[in-house]
């Protein structure tokens, strides 16, 4: 069911969403880097069980 709505977004709302997006991107970048570091350090990341692929 499609609903037509009119959105009244202010420039303040847009700026807040942009700031939140940048903050979330930074978190994702940090977590990806941390994950990559952990994967490259021997002994820190358990090996996948047999029959399971590593992501």
Protein backbone atom coordinates (compact mmCIF):
# COMPACT_ATOMS: atom_id res chain seq x y z
CA UNK A 1 0.00 0.00 0.00
CA UNK A 2 1.55 3.27 -1.10
CA UNK A 3 1.13 6.32 1.07
CA UNK A 4 1.86 9.81 -0.21
CA UNK A 5 3.28 12.07 2.45
CA UNK A 6 4.71 15.54 2.35
CA UNK A 7 7.95 15.91 4.23
CA UNK A 8 8.90 19.22 5.74
CA UNK A 9 12.60 18.89 6.32
CA UNK A 10 14.59 21.89 7.44
CA UNK A 11 18.20 22.61 6.65
CA UNK A 12 18.95 21.96 10.33
CA UNK A 13 17.49 18.46 9.96
CA UNK A 14 19.62 17.83 6.88
CA UNK A 15 22.77 19.07 8.63
CA UNK A 16 22.05 16.82 11.61
CA UNK A 17 21.55 13.81 9.36
CA UNK A 18 24.76 14.57 7.48
CA UNK A 19 26.68 14.81 10.76
CA UNK A 20 25.18 11.51 11.93
CA UNK A 21 26.08 9.88 8.62
CA UNK A 22 29.69 11.04 8.93
CA UNK A 23 29.88 9.73 12.49
CA UNK A 24 28.47 6.34 11.45
CA UNK A 25 30.92 6.13 8.55
CA UNK A 26 33.78 6.76 10.99
CA UNK A 27 32.55 3.96 13.26
CA UNK A 28 32.30 1.53 10.34
CA UNK A 29 35.80 2.49 9.20
CA UNK A 30 37.23 1.97 12.70
CA UNK A 31 35.53 -1.41 13.08
CA UNK A 32 36.65 -2.58 9.64
CA UNK A 33 40.24 -1.59 10.41
CA UNK A 34 40.13 -3.29 13.81
CA UNK A 35 38.70 -6.43 12.21
CA UNK A 36 41.43 -6.44 9.57
CA UNK A 37 44.14 -6.05 12.21
CA UNK A 38 42.72 -8.87 14.31
CA UNK A 39 42.52 -11.16 11.28
CA UNK A 40 46.19 -10.58 10.44
CA UNK A 41 47.52 -11.20 13.96
CA UNK A 42 48.21 -14.90 14.53
CA UNK A 43 46.47 -16.35 17.54
CA UNK A 44 44.04 -13.49 18.14
CA UNK A 45 41.27 -14.57 15.80
CA UNK A 46 40.06 -18.17 16.16
CA UNK A 47 40.09 -20.22 13.01
CA UNK A 48 36.73 -21.20 11.55
CA UNK A 49 35.51 -24.70 12.29
CA UNK A 50 36.00 -27.28 9.56
CA UNK A 51 33.44 -26.92 6.84
CA UNK A 52 32.87 -23.23 7.56
CA UNK A 53 34.30 -20.50 5.40
CA UNK A 54 36.14 -17.51 6.81
CA UNK A 55 34.45 -14.18 6.08
